[in-house]
């Protein structure tokens, strides 16, 4: 019995007259139907209530976990979830951006805890930061070791200097020397000189210190950005960019320019000279255009000079 039929029957009782027995039977049927319907509705809500409560609990727990601070017991669960979410970013550039955002957030959290004096929590966050840094460096291209090309300098040729001719000097005339006879003195017997016994001396001991090793700069995360131009100096779109040239220029690449601009992360050391390569293969003309630019690493964000493509 639906609601409309039940409402209609109740309304019809106002205008109809019937005996008391029939009236009681109809009233009892209507009341039973209404009670049964309300019980069914309450049972439905009761069955759905535990599910709803579970969903609300998990949502609240998930929000608390993902927003857990470094001094919270849930921080380890948060970092585990964030690290596992790396597989949800299959695109290399998207994955690098996600890892860099994690690294920045964990560095900021560690700095906040260190400033507040919570050394134990800061150490835990620093461990997560180092783990994230290793993941970032493993996911970005490594700059190859390349020595900067130095142009040979010309050695200046010495100009011959004229040697002056010797000038003859006049010969001086001899001056007569007067010889005087020395006066004869009475000889005295020589006084004996005492002989001193030399004292043995111990040679000083010299300690040879090993040379101190020269510290080698460690690799760091560097963001490279710049522009690539065609031979006619227009912006080149869809050009491959990398820190090393591929073995096959027709193979697909991970990083391409968009409206002539590119931006990607790489691993390099401070003061290292890095070469950024750009290339594009034309399958119709079967021609490869290539170019490169060199930059010295001075920080974590480097702007590379414009790369001009040339036909090869």
Protein backbone atom coordinates (compact mmCIF):
# COMPACT_ATOMS: atom_id res chain seq x y z
CA UNK A 1 0.00 0.00 0.00
CA UNK A 2 1.52 3.29 -1.10
CA UNK A 3 1.21 6.71 0.51
CA UNK A 4 -1.36 8.07 -1.95
CA UNK A 5 -3.75 5.18 -1.47
CA UNK A 6 -3.39 5.35 2.30
CA UNK A 7 -4.06 9.09 2.31
CA UNK A 8 -7.11 8.64 0.08
CA UNK A 9 -8.63 5.99 2.32
CA UNK A 10 -8.12 8.12 5.40
CA UNK A 11 -9.80 11.05 3.70
CA UNK A 12 -12.79 8.97 2.64
CA UNK A 13 -13.55 8.14 6.24
CA UNK A 14 -14.64 11.71 6.85
CA UNK A 15 -17.63 11.48 4.52
CA UNK A 16 -18.64 7.84 4.90
CA UNK A 17 -20.74 6.42 7.76
CA UNK A 18 -20.37 2.80 8.80
CA UNK A 19 -21.07 0.61 11.77
CA UNK A 20 -18.67 0.52 14.69
CA UNK A 21 -17.26 -2.96 13.99
CA UNK A 22 -16.39 -2.18 10.37
CA UNK A 23 -14.97 1.13 11.42
CA UNK A 24 -12.68 -0.52 13.97
CA UNK A 25 -11.47 -3.10 11.45
CA UNK A 26 -10.63 -0.51 8.82
CA UNK A 27 -8.93 1.71 11.37
CA UNK A 28 -6.81 -1.20 12.61
CA UNK A 29 -5.76 -2.12 9.05
CA UNK A 30 -4.78 1.45 8.30
CA UNK A 31 -2.82 1.82 11.50
CA UNK A 32 -1.00 -1.47 10.90
CA UNK A 33 -0.12 -0.47 7.35
CA UNK A 34 1.19 2.88 8.49
CA UNK A 35 3.22 1.35 11.34
CA UNK A 36 4.76 -1.26 9.01
CA UNK A 37 5.80 1.39 6.52
CA UNK A 38 7.44 3.54 9.17
CA UNK A 39 9.31 0.52 10.53
CA UNK A 40 10.66 -0.27 7.07
CA UNK A 41 11.93 3.28 6.66
CA UNK A 42 13.60 3.24 10.06
CA UNK A 43 15.21 -0.12 9.30
CA UNK A 44 16.64 1.32 6.07
CA UNK A 45 18.20 4.25 7.86
CA UNK A 46 19.50 1.99 10.61
CA UNK A 47 21.19 -0.28 8.08
CA UNK A 48 22.75 2.69 6.30
CA UNK A 49 23.86 4.46 9.48
CA UNK A 50 26.91 2.22 10.22
CA UNK A 51 28.13 2.58 6.65
CA UNK A 52 27.73 6.33 6.79
CA UNK A 53 29.50 6.50 10.14
CA UNK A 54 32.37 4.39 8.77
CA UNK A 55 32.76 6.66 5.76
CA UNK A 56 32.78 9.75 7.93
CA UNK A 57 35.35 8.15 10.24
CA UNK A 58 37.66 7.20 7.38
CA UNK A 59 37.30 10.64 5.81
CA UNK A 60 38.18 12.34 9.08
CA UNK A 61 41.08 9.99 9.68
CA UNK A 62 42.39 10.50 6.16
CA UNK A 63 42.19 14.26 6.48
CA UNK A 64 43.96 14.17 9.84
CA UNK A 65 46.65 11.88 8.43
CA UNK A 66 47.35 13.94 5.31
CA UNK A 67 47.54 17.11 7.42
CA UNK A 68 49.62 15.56 10.22
CA UNK A 69 52.54 17.69 11.39
CA UNK A 70 56.06 16.41 11.91
CA UNK A 71 55.54 15.98 15.65
CA UNK A 72 52.37 13.92 15.19
CA UNK A 73 52.33 10.10 15.49
CA UNK A 74 50.53 10.02 12.13
CA UNK A 75 53.38 11.76 10.27
CA UNK A 76 55.02 8.45 9.33
CA UNK A 77 51.73 7.26 7.85
CA UNK A 78 51.40 10.54 5.96
CA UNK A 79 54.87 10.28 4.41
CA UNK A 80 54.22 6.63 3.46
CA UNK A 81 51.00 7.62 1.67
CA UNK A 82 52.70 10.54 -0.09
CA UNK A 83 55.61 8.35 -1.22
CA UNK A 84 53.23 5.69 -2.52
CA UNK A 85 51.35 8.33 -4.53
CA UNK A 86 54.41 8.79 -6.77
CA UNK A 87 53.17 5.94 -9.01
CA UNK A 88 50.06 8.02 -9.73
CA UNK A 89 52.22 10.44 -11.76
CA UNK A 90 53.46 8.49 -14.80
CA UNK A 91 54.51 11.62 -16.70
CA UNK A 92 58.20 12.39 -15.90
CA UNK A 93 57.68 16.15 -15.66
CA UNK A 94 54.56 15.74 -13.53
CA UNK A 95 56.34 13.24 -11.29
CA UNK A 96 59.32 15.58 -10.85
CA UNK A 97 57.02 18.47 -9.95
CA UNK A 98 55.21 16.30 -7.39
CA UNK A 99 58.47 15.14 -5.78
CA UNK A 100 59.82 18.69 -5.67
CA UNK A 101 56.63 19.88 -3.97
CA UNK A 102 57.05 17.10 -1.38
CA UNK A 103 60.68 18.09 -0.87
CA UNK A 104 59.79 21.75 -0.36
CA UNK A 105 57.01 20.89 2.11
CA UNK A 106 59.25 18.61 4.17
CA UNK A 107 62.09 21.14 4.20
CA UNK A 108 59.69 23.81 5.47
CA UNK A 109 58.30 21.44 8.12
CA UNK A 110 61.80 20.51 9.34
CA UNK A 111 62.80 24.19 9.53
CA UNK A 112 59.65 24.97 11.54
CA UNK A 113 60.32 22.19 14.04
CA UNK A 114 63.98 23.19 14.40
CA UNK A 115 62.95 26.79 15.07
CA UNK A 116 60.51 25.62 17.76
CA UNK A 117 63.20 23.53 19.45
CA UNK A 118 61.66 20.10 18.78
CA UNK A 119 64.86 18.32 17.75
CA UNK A 120 63.44 14.78 17.78
CA UNK A 121 60.57 15.58 15.42
CA UNK A 122 62.85 17.69 13.23
CA UNK A 123 65.27 14.77 12.89
CA UNK A 124 62.41 12.50 11.79
CA UNK A 125 61.31 15.03 9.17
CA UNK A 126 64.92 15.47 7.99
CA UNK A 127 65.11 11.72 7.38
CA UNK A 128 61.98 11.94 5.25
CA UNK A 129 63.49 14.93 3.44
CA UNK A 130 66.69 13.04 2.58
CA UNK A 131 64.63 10.08 1.37
CA UNK A 132 62.62 12.43 -0.86
CA UNK A 133 65.80 14.06 -2.17
CA UNK A 134 67.16 10.67 -3.22
CA UNK A 135 63.91 9.93 -5.03
CA UNK A 136 64.08 13.28 -6.82
CA UNK A 137 67.70 12.84 -7.90
CA UNK A 138 66.94 9.32 -9.11
CA UNK A 139 64.01 10.50 -11.22
CA UNK A 140 65.73 13.44 -12.96
CA UNK A 141 68.51 13.26 -15.57
CA UNK A 142 72.09 13.48 -14.35
CA UNK A 143 74.34 16.06 -15.98
CA UNK A 144 77.34 14.24 -17.55
CA UNK A 145 80.86 15.21 -16.63
CA UNK A 146 82.09 17.59 -19.29
CA UNK A 147 85.17 19.79 -19.22
CA UNK A 148 84.66 23.30 -20.54
CA UNK A 149 86.19 23.90 -23.96
CA UNK A 150 88.93 26.47 -23.66
CA UNK A 151 90.16 28.13 -26.84
CA UNK A 152 93.95 27.94 -27.19
CA UNK A 153 95.57 31.30 -26.56
CA UNK A 154 98.26 32.59 -28.91
CA UNK A 155 101.76 32.85 -27.46
CA UNK A 156 103.25 36.27 -28.24
CA UNK A 157 106.47 36.15 -30.28
CA UNK A 158 109.31 38.10 -28.56
CA UNK A 159 110.56 41.11 -30.52
CA UNK A 160 114.36 41.05 -31.07
CA UNK A 161 116.17 43.86 -29.22
CA UNK A 162 119.11 45.61 -30.88
CA UNK A 163 122.43 45.05 -29.02
CA UNK A 164 124.48 48.28 -28.73
CA UNK A 165 128.01 48.14 -30.12
CA UNK A 166 130.82 48.38 -27.51
CA UNK A 167 132.39 51.84 -27.20
CA UNK A 168 136.26 51.86 -26.93
CA UNK A 169 137.41 53.31 -23.60
CA UNK A 170 140.83 55.08 -23.15
CA UNK A 171 143.60 53.00 -21.54
CA UNK A 172 144.79 54.64 -18.26
CA UNK A 173 148.52 55.36 -17.95
CA UNK A 174 150.43 53.30 -15.32
CA UNK A 175 150.88 55.00 -11.91
CA UNK A 176 154.23 54.38 -10.16
CA UNK A 177 153.81 52.40 -6.89
CA UNK A 178 156.15 53.23 -3.98
CA UNK A 179 157.16 50.07 -2.06
CA UNK A 180 157.84 50.53 1.68
CA UNK A 181 159.76 48.04 3.75
CA UNK A 182 157.83 46.77 6.77
CA UNK A 183 159.32 47.21 10.20
CA UNK A 184 160.72 44.06 11.75
CA UNK A 185 158.81 42.98 14.91
CA UNK A 186 160.01 40.63 17.66
CA UNK A 187 158.19 37.27 17.27
CA UNK A 188 156.17 35.94 20.27
CA UNK A 189 155.45 32.28 20.94
CA UNK A 190 151.86 31.30 19.91
CA UNK A 191 149.32 30.75 22.71
CA UNK A 192 147.75 27.26 22.58
CA UNK A 193 144.01 27.30 21.88
CA UNK A 194 141.91 24.95 24.09
CA UNK A 195 140.10 22.20 22.20
CA UNK A 196 136.33 22.01 22.85
CA UNK A 197 134.55 18.70 22.77
CA UNK A 198 131.50 19.00 20.49
CA UNK A 199 128.18 18.31 22.22
CA UNK A 200 126.05 15.77 20.33
CA UNK A 201 122.83 17.32 19.12
CA UNK A 202 119.61 15.42 18.40
CA UNK A 203 118.18 16.21 14.95
CA UNK A 204 114.66 17.65 15.14
CA UNK A 205 111.87 15.24 14.38
CA UNK A 206 109.68 16.41 11.51
CA UNK A 207 106.11 15.15 11.37
CA UNK A 208 104.75 14.79 7.87
CA UNK A 209 101.05 15.58 7.74
CA UNK A 210 98.99 13.91 5.05
CA UNK A 211 97.48 16.36 2.57
CA UNK A 212 93.89 17.24 3.39
CA UNK A 213 91.46 15.94 0.76
CA UNK A 214 89.79 18.51 -1.41
CA UNK A 215 86.02 18.48 -0.77
CA UNK A 216 84.03 17.40 -3.82
CA UNK A 217 80.74 19.26 -4.40
CA UNK A 218 77.73 17.00 -4.05
CA UNK A 219 74.98 16.76 -6.63
CA UNK A 220 71.95 18.95 -6.10
CA UNK A 221 68.59 19.43 -7.75
CA UNK A 222 68.68 22.14 -10.43
CA UNK A 223 65.81 23.55 -12.48
CA UNK A 224 66.80 24.39 -16.06
CA UNK A 225 64.69 26.73 -18.20
CA UNK A 226 65.22 28.53 -21.49
CA UNK A 227 64.11 28.93 -25.10
CA UNK A 228 64.86 27.14 -28.37
CA UNK A 229 64.80 28.97 -31.70
CA UNK A 230 64.66 27.83 -35.31
CA UNK A 231 67.37 28.76 -37.81
CA UNK A 232 65.27 31.82 -38.76
CA UNK A 233 65.23 32.84 -35.03
CA UNK A 234 61.51 32.06 -34.57
CA UNK A 235 60.49 30.08 -31.48
CA UNK A 236 60.74 26.34 -32.07
CA UNK A 237 57.80 24.26 -30.83
CA UNK A 238 57.92 20.52 -30.07
CA UNK A 239 61.72 20.33 -29.87
CA UNK A 240 63.32 17.66 -27.67
CA UNK A 241 65.55 18.94 -24.84
CA UNK A 242 67.91 16.93 -22.62
CA UNK A 243 71.27 17.03 -20.86
CA UNK A 244 72.76 14.52 -23.32
CA UNK A 245 72.26 13.61 -26.94
CA UNK A 246 70.34 10.40 -27.70
CA UNK A 247 71.65 7.51 -29.71
CA UNK A 248 68.63 7.69 -32.04
CA UNK A 249 67.21 11.12 -32.90
CA UNK A 250 63.99 9.55 -34.19
CA UNK A 251 63.17 8.01 -30.78
CA UNK A 252 60.55 9.73 -28.59
CA UNK A 253 61.77 12.08 -25.86
CA UNK A 254 60.41 13.02 -22.43
CA UNK A 255 60.89 16.80 -22.54
CA UNK A 256 59.66 18.99 -25.40
CA UNK A 257 59.35 22.72 -25.86
CA UNK A 258 55.99 24.45 -25.76
CA UNK A 259 55.92 27.67 -27.79
CA UNK A 260 59.70 27.62 -27.79
CA UNK A 261 60.08 27.40 -23.99
CA UNK A 262 61.17 24.46 -21.84
CA UNK A 263 61.64 23.76 -18.15
CA UNK A 264 62.86 20.59 -16.46
CA UNK A 265 64.80 19.35 -13.44
CA UNK A 266 68.25 17.82 -13.48
CA UNK A 267 71.04 16.78 -11.14
CA UNK A 268 74.31 18.74 -11.21
CA UNK A 269 77.06 20.10 -8.94
CA UNK A 270 77.97 23.64 -8.06
CA UNK A 271 80.41 25.26 -10.54
CA UNK A 272 79.86 22.41 -13.01
CA UNK A 273 79.64 23.35 -16.67
CA UNK A 274 76.49 21.72 -18.07
CA UNK A 275 75.49 21.47 -21.72
CA UNK A 276 71.79 21.52 -22.63
CA UNK A 277 71.03 19.92 -26.00
CA UNK A 278 68.02 20.44 -28.27
CA UNK A 279 67.10 18.53 -31.43
CA UNK A 280 64.25 17.90 -33.82
CA UNK A 281 63.93 15.31 -36.57
CA UNK A 282 61.97 16.12 -39.72
CA UNK A 283 60.59 12.79 -41.01
CA UNK A 284 59.47 14.31 -44.32
CA UNK A 285 62.82 15.83 -45.29
CA UNK A 286 64.72 13.27 -43.18
CA UNK A 287 66.81 16.06 -41.70
CA UNK A 288 67.88 16.57 -38.09
CA UNK A 289 68.16 20.02 -36.53
CA UNK A 290 70.39 20.29 -33.48
CA UNK A 291 71.73 22.92 -31.12
CA UNK A 292 73.16 23.34 -27.66
CA UNK A 293 73.99 25.91 -24.97
CA UNK A 294 76.38 25.76 -22.03
CA UNK A 295 75.77 27.11 -18.54
CA UNK A 296 77.78 27.08 -15.29
CA UNK A 297 75.80 25.94 -12.26
CA UNK A 298 75.60 28.78 -9.71
CA UNK A 299 72.39 27.81 -7.89
CA UNK A 300 69.29 25.63 -7.91
CA UNK A 301 67.55 27.63 -10.65
CA UNK A 302 69.42 28.26 -13.91
CA UNK A 303 68.34 30.19 -17.00
CA UNK A 304 70.06 28.68 -20.02
CA UNK A 305 71.03 30.91 -22.95
CA UNK A 306 68.87 30.60 -26.06
CA UNK A 307 69.56 27.51 -28.16
CA UNK A 308 69.61 28.04 -31.94
CA UNK A 309 68.91 25.00 -34.10
CA UNK A 310 71.05 24.25 -37.12
CA UNK A 311 70.66 21.68 -39.86
CA UNK A 312 72.90 18.60 -39.72
